[in-house]
């Protein structure tokens, strides 16, 4: 990319061209999922968390809730494997919990394709090379997601992220989106071996 700290206009237009009609088309699905989450887990329906976005700037990520609020006798949250509900496992297995991120795309905080937005506390743990993943907007899916997703180590994920930064094109974004559809249907690499979700990146 010739301007790593400026989002190409054609990428933004591409995101809007797909996400606006996409949200309209899947609105009945969103309503059904929201009702299911509200019934199974109560309110709120959406999980909100601060994540690091383009150039490391913070934003609030939206996802459907997949975990309960169970806590131990000392008030600490139970492990993810305990709190992840049957509905949550189903939503994650088909990446349906990610659909509200289309709102982040509309707001310009995310792209359809790019490195996944991670926790703010990871920023200080990246190497200089790994931090280059923030030279493009974060995405709902990305090069990492079609090359192993959470089955990869953190080092492998960041290598894929930086590769995407260096090779970005609209053609590549289209390729990633098409392969993502297949990956979602086959449910590859949803979680790391031995983990309910991805383990924390410690640097």
N, C-alpha and C. Protein backbone atom coordinates (compact mmCIF):
# COMPACT_ATOMS: atom_id res chain seq x y z
N UNK A 1 0.84 -1.19 0.00
CA UNK A 1 0.00 0.00 0.00
C UNK A 1 0.88 1.25 0.00
N UNK A 2 0.53 2.22 -0.77
CA UNK A 2 1.37 3.40 -0.89
C UNK A 2 1.21 4.36 0.28
N UNK A 3 0.05 4.35 0.95
CA UNK A 3 -0.19 5.26 2.07
C UNK A 3 -0.72 4.46 3.24
N UNK A 4 0.15 3.84 4.04
CA UNK A 4 -0.27 2.92 5.09
C UNK A 4 -1.09 3.56 6.20
N UNK A 5 -1.06 4.87 6.36
CA UNK A 5 -1.80 5.50 7.43
C UNK A 5 -3.01 6.27 6.93
N UNK A 6 -3.46 5.99 5.72
CA UNK A 6 -4.68 6.58 5.18
C UNK A 6 -5.48 5.48 4.51
N UNK A 7 -6.74 5.34 4.92
CA UNK A 7 -7.58 4.29 4.34
C UNK A 7 -7.91 4.65 2.90
N UNK A 8 -7.58 3.78 1.94
CA UNK A 8 -7.91 4.07 0.54
C UNK A 8 -9.41 4.27 0.35
N UNK A 9 -9.79 5.29 -0.39
CA UNK A 9 -11.21 5.60 -0.60
C UNK A 9 -11.93 4.41 -1.22
N UNK A 10 -11.27 3.72 -2.15
CA UNK A 10 -11.93 2.59 -2.82
C UNK A 10 -12.21 1.44 -1.85
N UNK A 11 -11.41 1.30 -0.82
CA UNK A 11 -11.68 0.26 0.19
C UNK A 11 -12.91 0.64 1.01
N UNK A 12 -13.00 1.91 1.38
CA UNK A 12 -14.15 2.39 2.14
C UNK A 12 -15.43 2.27 1.32
N UNK A 13 -15.39 2.65 0.05
CA UNK A 13 -16.56 2.54 -0.81
C UNK A 13 -16.98 1.09 -1.00
N UNK A 14 -15.99 0.20 -1.12
CA UNK A 14 -16.25 -1.22 -1.26
C UNK A 14 -16.98 -1.74 -0.01
N UNK A 15 -16.53 -1.33 1.16
CA UNK A 15 -17.16 -1.75 2.41
C UNK A 15 -18.62 -1.29 2.46
N UNK A 16 -18.86 -0.03 2.11
CA UNK A 16 -20.22 0.50 2.16
C UNK A 16 -21.13 -0.15 1.13
N UNK A 17 -20.56 -0.42 -0.04
CA UNK A 17 -21.34 -1.03 -1.12
C UNK A 17 -21.88 -2.41 -0.72
N UNK A 18 -21.11 -3.13 0.09
CA UNK A 18 -21.54 -4.46 0.51
C UNK A 18 -22.26 -4.46 1.86
N UNK A 19 -21.82 -3.64 2.79
CA UNK A 19 -22.37 -3.70 4.14
C UNK A 19 -23.77 -3.09 4.25
N UNK A 20 -24.04 -2.01 3.52
CA UNK A 20 -25.36 -1.38 3.62
C UNK A 20 -26.47 -2.32 3.14
N UNK A 21 -26.40 -2.83 1.90
CA UNK A 21 -27.43 -3.78 1.49
C UNK A 21 -27.37 -5.08 2.29
N UNK A 22 -26.16 -5.46 2.73
CA UNK A 22 -26.03 -6.68 3.53
C UNK A 22 -26.80 -6.59 4.83
N UNK A 23 -26.71 -5.45 5.50
CA UNK A 23 -27.45 -5.26 6.75
C UNK A 23 -28.96 -5.31 6.52
N UNK A 24 -29.39 -4.73 5.41
CA UNK A 24 -30.82 -4.74 5.10
C UNK A 24 -31.29 -6.18 4.86
N UNK A 25 -30.50 -6.94 4.11
CA UNK A 25 -30.90 -8.30 3.77
C UNK A 25 -30.93 -9.23 4.98
N UNK A 26 -29.98 -9.05 5.90
CA UNK A 26 -29.91 -9.98 7.04
C UNK A 26 -30.61 -9.44 8.28
N UNK A 27 -31.32 -8.32 8.16
CA UNK A 27 -32.00 -7.75 9.33
C UNK A 27 -32.96 -8.74 9.99
N UNK A 28 -33.72 -9.58 9.24
CA UNK A 28 -34.56 -10.57 9.92
C UNK A 28 -33.73 -11.58 10.73
N UNK A 29 -32.56 -11.96 10.20
CA UNK A 29 -31.69 -12.89 10.92
C UNK A 29 -31.17 -12.24 12.20
N UNK A 30 -30.78 -10.97 12.10
CA UNK A 30 -30.31 -10.25 13.27
C UNK A 30 -31.39 -10.19 14.35
N UNK A 31 -32.64 -9.98 13.93
CA UNK A 31 -33.74 -9.89 14.88
C UNK A 31 -33.97 -11.23 15.58
N UNK A 32 -33.89 -12.31 14.84
CA UNK A 32 -34.07 -13.65 15.42
C UNK A 32 -32.95 -13.96 16.42
N UNK A 33 -31.72 -13.66 16.04
CA UNK A 33 -30.59 -13.91 16.93
C UNK A 33 -30.70 -13.06 18.19
N UNK A 34 -31.07 -11.79 18.02
CA UNK A 34 -31.21 -10.91 19.17
C UNK A 34 -32.26 -11.44 20.15
N UNK A 35 -33.37 -11.93 19.61
CA UNK A 35 -34.43 -12.49 20.46
C UNK A 35 -33.93 -13.74 21.18
N UNK A 36 -33.18 -14.59 20.46
CA UNK A 36 -32.66 -15.81 21.07
C UNK A 36 -31.68 -15.49 22.19
N UNK A 37 -30.80 -14.51 21.96
CA UNK A 37 -29.84 -14.12 22.99
C UNK A 37 -30.55 -13.51 24.18
N UNK A 38 -31.54 -12.66 23.91
CA UNK A 38 -32.31 -12.03 25.01
C UNK A 38 -33.01 -13.08 25.85
N UNK A 39 -33.55 -14.12 25.21
CA UNK A 39 -34.25 -15.18 25.93
C UNK A 39 -33.29 -16.04 26.74
N UNK A 40 -32.14 -16.38 26.14
CA UNK A 40 -31.21 -17.30 26.78
C UNK A 40 -30.30 -16.63 27.81
N UNK A 41 -29.89 -15.39 27.53
CA UNK A 41 -28.89 -14.74 28.38
C UNK A 41 -29.38 -13.46 29.04
N UNK A 42 -30.54 -12.97 28.63
CA UNK A 42 -31.04 -11.73 29.20
C UNK A 42 -30.41 -10.52 28.53
N UNK A 43 -30.53 -9.40 29.20
CA UNK A 43 -30.00 -8.15 28.68
C UNK A 43 -28.63 -7.86 29.29
N UNK A 44 -27.72 -7.22 28.54
CA UNK A 44 -27.87 -6.72 27.17
C UNK A 44 -27.67 -7.82 26.14
N UNK A 45 -28.20 -7.59 24.96
CA UNK A 45 -28.06 -8.55 23.87
C UNK A 45 -26.68 -8.45 23.23
N UNK A 46 -26.16 -7.24 23.16
CA UNK A 46 -24.87 -7.02 22.52
C UNK A 46 -23.73 -6.99 23.53
N UNK A 47 -22.63 -7.60 23.14
CA UNK A 47 -21.38 -7.53 23.89
C UNK A 47 -20.60 -6.35 23.35
N UNK A 48 -20.18 -5.45 24.22
CA UNK A 48 -19.41 -4.27 23.81
C UNK A 48 -18.05 -4.29 24.48
N UNK A 49 -17.02 -4.02 23.72
CA UNK A 49 -15.67 -4.03 24.27
C UNK A 49 -14.77 -3.08 23.50
N UNK A 50 -13.92 -2.36 24.22
CA UNK A 50 -12.97 -1.46 23.58
C UNK A 50 -11.89 -2.27 22.91
N UNK A 51 -11.65 -2.00 21.64
CA UNK A 51 -10.62 -2.67 20.87
C UNK A 51 -9.74 -1.63 20.18
N UNK A 52 -8.58 -2.06 19.75
CA UNK A 52 -7.68 -1.16 19.03
C UNK A 52 -7.96 -1.26 17.54
N UNK A 53 -8.13 -0.10 16.90
CA UNK A 53 -8.48 -0.06 15.50
C UNK A 53 -7.37 0.49 14.63
N UNK A 54 -7.76 1.18 13.57
CA UNK A 54 -6.81 1.75 12.61
C UNK A 54 -5.84 2.68 13.33
N UNK A 55 -4.54 2.47 13.10
CA UNK A 55 -3.48 3.24 13.75
C UNK A 55 -3.49 3.11 15.27
N UNK A 56 -4.13 2.03 15.78
CA UNK A 56 -4.16 1.79 17.21
C UNK A 56 -5.22 2.57 17.96
N UNK A 57 -6.06 3.33 17.24
CA UNK A 57 -7.08 4.13 17.91
C UNK A 57 -8.17 3.24 18.50
N UNK A 58 -8.65 3.54 19.70
CA UNK A 58 -9.68 2.72 20.34
C UNK A 58 -11.06 2.94 19.75
N UNK A 59 -11.86 1.90 19.74
CA UNK A 59 -13.26 2.00 19.35
C UNK A 59 -14.03 0.91 20.09
N UNK A 60 -15.35 1.00 20.09
CA UNK A 60 -16.18 0.00 20.77
C UNK A 60 -16.67 -1.03 19.77
N UNK A 61 -16.27 -2.26 19.97
CA UNK A 61 -16.66 -3.38 19.10
C UNK A 61 -18.02 -3.92 19.54
N UNK A 62 -18.88 -4.25 18.56
CA UNK A 62 -20.19 -4.82 18.84
C UNK A 62 -20.24 -6.28 18.39
N UNK A 63 -20.71 -7.16 19.28
CA UNK A 63 -20.93 -8.56 18.93
C UNK A 63 -22.17 -9.03 19.70
N UNK A 64 -22.78 -10.11 19.24
CA UNK A 64 -23.83 -10.73 20.03
C UNK A 64 -23.20 -11.44 21.24
N UNK A 65 -23.84 -11.35 22.38
CA UNK A 65 -23.34 -12.04 23.56
C UNK A 65 -23.39 -13.55 23.35
N UNK A 66 -22.35 -14.23 23.81
CA UNK A 66 -22.30 -15.70 23.71
C UNK A 66 -22.02 -16.34 25.06
N UNK A 67 -21.72 -15.54 26.09
CA UNK A 67 -21.35 -16.07 27.40
C UNK A 67 -22.29 -15.56 28.48
N UNK A 68 -22.45 -16.38 29.50
CA UNK A 68 -23.22 -15.98 30.67
C UNK A 68 -22.35 -15.12 31.59
N UNK A 69 -22.95 -14.63 32.66
CA UNK A 69 -22.22 -13.81 33.62
C UNK A 69 -21.85 -14.59 34.89
N UNK A 70 -21.73 -15.90 34.76
CA UNK A 70 -21.43 -16.73 35.93
C UNK A 70 -20.10 -16.33 36.58
N UNK A 71 -20.14 -16.28 37.92
CA UNK A 71 -18.95 -15.92 38.69
C UNK A 71 -18.72 -16.91 39.82
N UNK A 72 -17.48 -16.97 40.29
CA UNK A 72 -17.17 -17.88 41.39
C UNK A 72 -17.56 -17.24 42.72
N UNK A 73 -17.25 -17.93 43.83
CA UNK A 73 -17.65 -17.46 45.15
C UNK A 73 -16.99 -16.13 45.53
N UNK A 74 -15.90 -15.78 44.85
CA UNK A 74 -15.20 -14.52 45.14
C UNK A 74 -15.60 -13.40 44.19
N UNK A 75 -16.54 -13.70 43.30
CA UNK A 75 -17.03 -12.68 42.39
C UNK A 75 -16.26 -12.55 41.09
N UNK A 76 -15.32 -13.47 40.85
CA UNK A 76 -14.53 -13.43 39.62
C UNK A 76 -15.25 -14.19 38.51
N UNK A 77 -15.16 -13.71 37.27
CA UNK A 77 -15.80 -14.43 36.16
C UNK A 77 -15.26 -15.86 36.04
N UNK A 78 -16.16 -16.79 35.80
CA UNK A 78 -15.76 -18.17 35.58
C UNK A 78 -15.00 -18.27 34.25
N UNK A 79 -14.23 -19.36 34.03
CA UNK A 79 -13.51 -19.53 32.77
C UNK A 79 -14.44 -19.50 31.57
N UNK A 80 -13.91 -19.07 30.41
CA UNK A 80 -14.71 -18.98 29.19
C UNK A 80 -15.44 -20.29 28.88
N UNK A 81 -14.77 -21.42 29.09
CA UNK A 81 -15.36 -22.72 28.76
C UNK A 81 -16.62 -22.98 29.58
N UNK A 82 -16.69 -22.41 30.78
CA UNK A 82 -17.86 -22.58 31.64
C UNK A 82 -18.96 -21.61 31.24
N UNK A 83 -18.59 -20.38 30.92
CA UNK A 83 -19.58 -19.34 30.63
C UNK A 83 -20.13 -19.40 29.21
N UNK A 84 -19.41 -20.08 28.30
CA UNK A 84 -19.87 -20.17 26.92
C UNK A 84 -21.08 -21.10 26.84
N UNK A 85 -22.22 -20.56 26.47
CA UNK A 85 -23.47 -21.30 26.46
C UNK A 85 -23.63 -22.14 25.18
N UNK A 86 -24.64 -23.01 25.20
CA UNK A 86 -24.92 -23.81 23.99
C UNK A 86 -25.27 -22.90 22.82
N UNK A 87 -26.09 -21.88 23.08
CA UNK A 87 -26.42 -20.92 22.02
C UNK A 87 -25.15 -20.21 21.56
N UNK A 88 -24.31 -19.83 22.53
CA UNK A 88 -23.07 -19.15 22.19
C UNK A 88 -22.17 -19.99 21.30
N UNK A 89 -22.07 -21.27 21.61
CA UNK A 89 -21.25 -22.17 20.78
C UNK A 89 -21.79 -22.24 19.36
N UNK A 90 -23.12 -22.28 19.25
CA UNK A 90 -23.73 -22.32 17.92
C UNK A 90 -23.44 -21.04 17.15
N UNK A 91 -23.63 -19.90 17.80
CA UNK A 91 -23.39 -18.62 17.12
C UNK A 91 -21.94 -18.50 16.69
N UNK A 92 -21.01 -18.90 17.57
CA UNK A 92 -19.59 -18.82 17.23
C UNK A 92 -19.21 -19.79 16.13
N UNK A 93 -19.84 -20.97 16.13
CA UNK A 93 -19.46 -21.98 15.14
C UNK A 93 -19.75 -21.53 13.73
N UNK A 94 -20.75 -20.65 13.55
CA UNK A 94 -21.07 -20.10 12.23
C UNK A 94 -20.74 -18.61 12.13
N UNK A 95 -19.98 -18.10 13.11
CA UNK A 95 -19.57 -16.69 13.15
C UNK A 95 -20.75 -15.72 13.15
N UNK A 96 -21.91 -16.19 13.60
CA UNK A 96 -23.08 -15.32 13.64
C UNK A 96 -22.96 -14.25 14.71
N UNK A 97 -22.15 -14.51 15.72
CA UNK A 97 -21.96 -13.51 16.78
C UNK A 97 -21.24 -12.26 16.25
N UNK A 98 -20.57 -12.40 15.09
CA UNK A 98 -19.81 -11.29 14.52
C UNK A 98 -20.66 -10.31 13.70
N UNK A 99 -21.90 -10.69 13.39
CA UNK A 99 -22.71 -9.89 12.48
C UNK A 99 -22.91 -8.43 12.92
N UNK A 100 -23.07 -8.13 14.22
CA UNK A 100 -23.22 -6.72 14.60
C UNK A 100 -22.01 -5.85 14.27
N UNK A 101 -20.88 -6.47 13.95
CA UNK A 101 -19.71 -5.69 13.57
C UNK A 101 -19.93 -4.94 12.26
N UNK A 102 -20.97 -5.30 11.53
CA UNK A 102 -21.32 -4.53 10.34
C UNK A 102 -21.66 -3.09 10.72
N UNK A 103 -22.14 -2.88 11.95
CA UNK A 103 -22.38 -1.51 12.43
C UNK A 103 -21.07 -0.76 12.56
N UNK A 104 -20.02 -1.47 13.01
CA UNK A 104 -18.70 -0.86 13.10
C UNK A 104 -18.17 -0.49 11.72
N UNK A 105 -18.51 -1.33 10.72
CA UNK A 105 -18.10 -1.05 9.35
C UNK A 105 -18.80 0.20 8.84
N UNK A 106 -20.09 0.31 9.10
CA UNK A 106 -20.84 1.49 8.66
C UNK A 106 -20.29 2.76 9.30
N UNK A 107 -19.85 2.66 10.54
CA UNK A 107 -19.32 3.83 11.25
C UNK A 107 -17.89 4.16 10.83
N UNK A 108 -17.29 3.31 10.01
CA UNK A 108 -15.94 3.57 9.55
C UNK A 108 -14.86 3.12 10.54
N UNK A 109 -15.25 2.39 11.56
CA UNK A 109 -14.30 1.92 12.57
C UNK A 109 -13.63 0.61 12.16
N UNK A 110 -14.30 -0.12 11.27
CA UNK A 110 -13.79 -1.39 10.79
C UNK A 110 -13.99 -1.47 9.28
N UNK A 111 -13.36 -2.48 8.70
CA UNK A 111 -13.55 -2.82 7.30
C UNK A 111 -14.12 -4.23 7.25
N UNK A 112 -14.64 -4.62 6.11
CA UNK A 112 -15.08 -6.01 5.97
C UNK A 112 -13.90 -6.96 6.07
N UNK A 113 -12.76 -6.53 5.54
CA UNK A 113 -11.57 -7.38 5.53
C UNK A 113 -10.40 -6.62 6.14
N UNK A 114 -9.68 -7.30 7.02
CA UNK A 114 -8.51 -6.71 7.66
C UNK A 114 -8.12 -7.54 8.87
N UNK A 115 -7.03 -7.21 9.54
CA UNK A 115 -6.65 -7.92 10.75
C UNK A 115 -7.74 -7.78 11.82
N UNK A 116 -7.97 -8.82 12.59
CA UNK A 116 -8.99 -8.75 13.62
C UNK A 116 -8.62 -7.71 14.68
N UNK A 117 -9.61 -6.92 15.15
CA UNK A 117 -9.33 -5.93 16.21
C UNK A 117 -9.13 -6.64 17.54
N UNK A 118 -8.03 -6.35 18.20
CA UNK A 118 -7.69 -7.03 19.44
C UNK A 118 -7.79 -6.08 20.63
N UNK A 119 -7.54 -6.61 21.81
CA UNK A 119 -7.68 -5.85 23.04
C UNK A 119 -6.69 -4.69 23.10
N UNK A 120 -7.11 -3.61 23.74
CA UNK A 120 -6.27 -2.43 23.84
C UNK A 120 -4.96 -2.72 24.57
N UNK A 121 -5.00 -3.60 25.55
CA UNK A 121 -3.79 -3.86 26.34
C UNK A 121 -2.71 -4.58 25.54
N UNK A 122 -3.08 -5.12 24.37
CA UNK A 122 -2.07 -5.78 23.54
C UNK A 122 -1.13 -4.79 22.86
N UNK A 123 -1.56 -3.53 22.73
CA UNK A 123 -0.77 -2.56 21.98
C UNK A 123 0.67 -2.47 22.47
N UNK A 124 0.86 -2.49 23.78
CA UNK A 124 2.20 -2.35 24.33
C UNK A 124 3.00 -3.66 24.28
N UNK A 125 2.36 -4.73 23.84
CA UNK A 125 3.03 -6.03 23.79
C UNK A 125 3.54 -6.38 22.39
N UNK A 126 3.12 -5.62 21.36
CA UNK A 126 3.55 -5.92 20.00
C UNK A 126 5.01 -5.55 19.78
N UNK A 127 5.65 -6.31 18.90
CA UNK A 127 6.94 -5.86 18.38
C UNK A 127 6.64 -4.79 17.33
N UNK A 128 7.66 -4.10 16.87
CA UNK A 128 7.47 -3.06 15.85
C UNK A 128 6.86 -3.66 14.59
N UNK A 129 7.30 -4.87 14.23
CA UNK A 129 6.77 -5.53 13.04
C UNK A 129 5.31 -5.92 13.24
N UNK A 130 4.99 -6.48 14.39
CA UNK A 130 3.61 -6.89 14.67
C UNK A 130 2.66 -5.70 14.70
N UNK A 131 3.15 -4.56 15.18
CA UNK A 131 2.32 -3.36 15.28
C UNK A 131 1.89 -2.84 13.91
N UNK A 132 2.55 -3.28 12.85
CA UNK A 132 2.18 -2.85 11.50
C UNK A 132 0.80 -3.35 11.09
N UNK A 133 0.25 -4.29 11.83
CA UNK A 133 -1.11 -4.78 11.54
C UNK A 133 -2.13 -3.65 11.66
N UNK A 134 -1.76 -2.57 12.35
CA UNK A 134 -2.66 -1.44 12.52
C UNK A 134 -2.53 -0.40 11.41
N UNK A 135 -1.75 -0.71 10.38
CA UNK A 135 -1.62 0.21 9.25
C UNK A 135 -2.79 0.11 8.28
N UNK A 136 -3.70 -0.80 8.54
CA UNK A 136 -4.95 -0.90 7.79
C UNK A 136 -6.08 -1.02 8.82
N UNK A 137 -7.32 -0.70 8.44
CA UNK A 137 -8.43 -0.85 9.39
C UNK A 137 -8.62 -2.32 9.76
N UNK A 138 -9.07 -2.58 10.98
CA UNK A 138 -9.37 -3.97 11.37
C UNK A 138 -10.57 -4.48 10.59
N UNK A 139 -10.68 -5.79 10.47
CA UNK A 139 -11.76 -6.37 9.67
C UNK A 139 -12.58 -7.41 10.39
N UNK A 140 -13.76 -7.69 9.84
CA UNK A 140 -14.61 -8.77 10.35
C UNK A 140 -13.96 -10.11 10.01
N UNK A 141 -13.38 -10.19 8.83
CA UNK A 141 -12.62 -11.37 8.44
C UNK A 141 -11.29 -10.88 7.87
N UNK A 142 -10.38 -11.81 7.62
CA UNK A 142 -9.08 -11.40 7.11
C UNK A 142 -8.25 -12.56 6.62
N UNK A 143 -7.03 -12.26 6.23
CA UNK A 143 -6.12 -13.27 5.71
C UNK A 143 -5.84 -14.35 6.76
N UNK A 144 -5.76 -13.95 8.02
CA UNK A 144 -5.56 -14.92 9.10
C UNK A 144 -6.74 -15.85 9.22
N UNK A 145 -7.96 -15.31 9.09
CA UNK A 145 -9.16 -16.11 9.28
C UNK A 145 -9.31 -17.20 8.22
N UNK A 146 -8.80 -16.98 7.03
CA UNK A 146 -8.92 -18.02 6.01
C UNK A 146 -7.68 -18.91 5.96
N UNK A 147 -6.74 -18.65 6.87
CA UNK A 147 -5.53 -19.46 6.93
C UNK A 147 -5.31 -20.03 8.34
N UNK A 148 -6.41 -20.52 8.92
CA UNK A 148 -6.28 -21.20 10.20
C UNK A 148 -7.02 -20.58 11.35
N UNK A 149 -7.33 -19.28 11.26
CA UNK A 149 -8.08 -18.58 12.29
C UNK A 149 -7.45 -18.82 13.66
N UNK A 150 -8.24 -19.21 14.68
CA UNK A 150 -7.71 -19.37 16.03
C UNK A 150 -6.87 -20.63 16.21
N UNK A 151 -6.81 -21.48 15.19
CA UNK A 151 -5.94 -22.65 15.27
C UNK A 151 -4.47 -22.26 15.13
N UNK A 152 -4.20 -21.03 14.66
CA UNK A 152 -2.83 -20.54 14.52
C UNK A 152 -2.29 -20.05 15.86
N UNK A 153 -0.96 -20.01 15.97
CA UNK A 153 -0.34 -19.36 17.11
C UNK A 153 -0.44 -17.85 16.91
N UNK A 154 -0.20 -17.08 17.96
CA UNK A 154 -0.22 -15.63 17.82
C UNK A 154 0.82 -15.16 16.82
N UNK A 155 2.00 -15.78 16.84
CA UNK A 155 3.06 -15.38 15.91
C UNK A 155 2.61 -15.59 14.47
N UNK A 156 1.95 -16.72 14.20
CA UNK A 156 1.46 -16.99 12.85
C UNK A 156 0.38 -15.99 12.44
N UNK A 157 -0.51 -15.67 13.38
CA UNK A 157 -1.57 -14.70 13.09
C UNK A 157 -0.99 -13.36 12.67
N UNK A 158 -0.01 -12.90 13.42
CA UNK A 158 0.56 -11.59 13.13
C UNK A 158 1.34 -11.59 11.82
N UNK A 159 1.97 -12.72 11.50
CA UNK A 159 2.66 -12.82 10.21
C UNK A 159 1.66 -12.70 9.06
N UNK A 160 0.51 -13.36 9.20
CA UNK A 160 -0.53 -13.25 8.18
C UNK A 160 -1.07 -11.82 8.12
N UNK A 161 -1.25 -11.18 9.27
CA UNK A 161 -1.78 -9.81 9.29
C UNK A 161 -0.85 -8.85 8.56
N UNK A 162 0.44 -8.95 8.82
CA UNK A 162 1.41 -8.06 8.18
C UNK A 162 1.51 -8.36 6.69
N UNK A 163 1.40 -9.63 6.34
CA UNK A 163 1.39 -9.99 4.92
C UNK A 163 0.22 -9.29 4.22
N UNK A 164 -0.94 -9.28 4.86
CA UNK A 164 -2.10 -8.61 4.28
C UNK A 164 -1.84 -7.12 4.09
N UNK A 165 -1.25 -6.49 5.09
CA UNK A 165 -0.93 -5.06 4.99
C UNK A 165 -0.07 -4.79 3.76
N UNK A 166 0.90 -5.66 3.51
CA UNK A 166 1.84 -5.45 2.41
C UNK A 166 1.27 -5.82 1.04
N UNK A 167 0.19 -6.59 1.01
CA UNK A 167 -0.33 -7.09 -0.27
C UNK A 167 -1.78 -6.68 -0.52
N UNK A 168 -2.30 -5.74 0.25
CA UNK A 168 -3.70 -5.38 0.12
C UNK A 168 -4.08 -4.95 -1.29
N UNK A 169 -5.27 -5.42 -1.72
CA UNK A 169 -5.90 -4.96 -2.96
C UNK A 169 -7.37 -5.33 -2.86
N UNK A 170 -8.21 -4.69 -3.68
CA UNK A 170 -9.63 -5.04 -3.68
C UNK A 170 -9.83 -6.47 -4.15
N UNK A 171 -9.00 -6.90 -5.08
CA UNK A 171 -9.11 -8.28 -5.56
C UNK A 171 -8.83 -9.25 -4.42
N UNK A 172 -7.84 -8.93 -3.59
CA UNK A 172 -7.54 -9.80 -2.45
C UNK A 172 -8.70 -9.79 -1.46
N UNK A 173 -9.31 -8.63 -1.22
CA UNK A 173 -10.45 -8.55 -0.31
C UNK A 173 -11.61 -9.43 -0.80
N UNK A 174 -11.88 -9.38 -2.09
CA UNK A 174 -12.95 -10.21 -2.66
C UNK A 174 -12.62 -11.69 -2.47
N UNK A 175 -11.38 -12.06 -2.72
CA UNK A 175 -10.95 -13.45 -2.55
C UNK A 175 -11.15 -13.90 -1.11
N UNK A 176 -10.75 -13.04 -0.16
CA UNK A 176 -10.87 -13.40 1.26
C UNK A 176 -12.34 -13.55 1.66
N UNK A 177 -13.20 -12.66 1.18
CA UNK A 177 -14.62 -12.76 1.51
C UNK A 177 -15.24 -14.04 0.98
N UNK A 178 -14.90 -14.42 -0.24
CA UNK A 178 -15.44 -15.64 -0.82
C UNK A 178 -14.96 -16.88 -0.08
N UNK A 179 -13.67 -16.91 0.25
CA UNK A 179 -13.14 -18.06 0.99
C UNK A 179 -13.71 -18.11 2.40
N UNK A 180 -13.96 -16.92 2.99
CA UNK A 180 -14.55 -16.87 4.33
C UNK A 180 -15.91 -17.55 4.37
N UNK A 181 -16.71 -17.35 3.34
CA UNK A 181 -18.02 -18.00 3.28
C UNK A 181 -17.88 -19.51 3.37
N UNK A 182 -16.90 -20.05 2.66
CA UNK A 182 -16.66 -21.49 2.70
C UNK A 182 -16.14 -21.93 4.06
N UNK A 183 -15.23 -21.16 4.64
CA UNK A 183 -14.66 -21.49 5.95
C UNK A 183 -15.73 -21.50 7.03
N UNK A 184 -16.66 -20.54 6.95
CA UNK A 184 -17.73 -20.48 7.94
C UNK A 184 -18.62 -21.71 7.85
N UNK A 185 -18.93 -22.13 6.63
CA UNK A 185 -19.78 -23.29 6.44
C UNK A 185 -19.12 -24.58 6.93
N UNK A 186 -17.79 -24.65 6.77
CA UNK A 186 -17.06 -25.85 7.21
C UNK A 186 -16.58 -25.73 8.65
N UNK A 187 -16.70 -24.54 9.24
CA UNK A 187 -16.39 -24.28 10.65
C UNK A 187 -14.96 -24.66 11.00
N UNK A 188 -14.02 -24.21 10.20
CA UNK A 188 -12.61 -24.51 10.43
C UNK A 188 -11.99 -23.50 11.39
N UNK A 189 -11.13 -23.98 12.31
CA UNK A 189 -10.29 -23.12 13.14
C UNK A 189 -11.05 -22.17 14.05
N UNK A 190 -12.21 -22.59 14.59
CA UNK A 190 -13.01 -21.72 15.43
C UNK A 190 -12.28 -21.36 16.73
N UNK A 191 -11.60 -22.34 17.31
CA UNK A 191 -10.88 -22.07 18.55
C UNK A 191 -9.54 -22.76 18.53
N UNK A 192 -8.67 -22.37 19.46
CA UNK A 192 -7.37 -22.99 19.56
C UNK A 192 -7.52 -24.37 20.19
N UNK A 193 -6.67 -25.34 19.83
CA UNK A 193 -6.73 -26.65 20.45
C UNK A 193 -6.64 -26.55 21.96
N UNK A 194 -7.63 -27.16 22.66
CA UNK A 194 -7.61 -27.14 24.11
C UNK A 194 -8.16 -25.87 24.73
N UNK A 195 -8.69 -24.95 23.89
CA UNK A 195 -9.21 -23.68 24.39
C UNK A 195 -10.64 -23.49 23.90
N UNK A 196 -11.50 -22.92 24.77
CA UNK A 196 -12.85 -22.58 24.33
C UNK A 196 -12.81 -21.38 23.40
N UNK A 197 -11.89 -20.47 23.67
CA UNK A 197 -11.67 -19.30 22.82
C UNK A 197 -10.16 -19.14 22.67
N UNK A 198 -9.74 -18.06 22.04
CA UNK A 198 -8.30 -17.84 21.86
C UNK A 198 -7.65 -17.46 23.18
N UNK A 199 -6.47 -17.98 23.45
CA UNK A 199 -5.75 -17.62 24.66
C UNK A 199 -5.22 -16.20 24.55
N UNK A 200 -4.92 -15.59 25.67
CA UNK A 200 -4.45 -14.19 25.68
C UNK A 200 -3.05 -14.09 25.10
N UNK A 201 -2.84 -13.00 24.35
CA UNK A 201 -1.52 -12.72 23.80
C UNK A 201 -0.71 -12.00 24.87
N UNK A 202 0.46 -12.58 25.22
CA UNK A 202 1.29 -12.03 26.28
C UNK A 202 2.54 -11.34 25.76
N UNK A 203 2.73 -11.33 24.45
CA UNK A 203 3.89 -10.66 23.88
C UNK A 203 5.04 -11.61 23.64
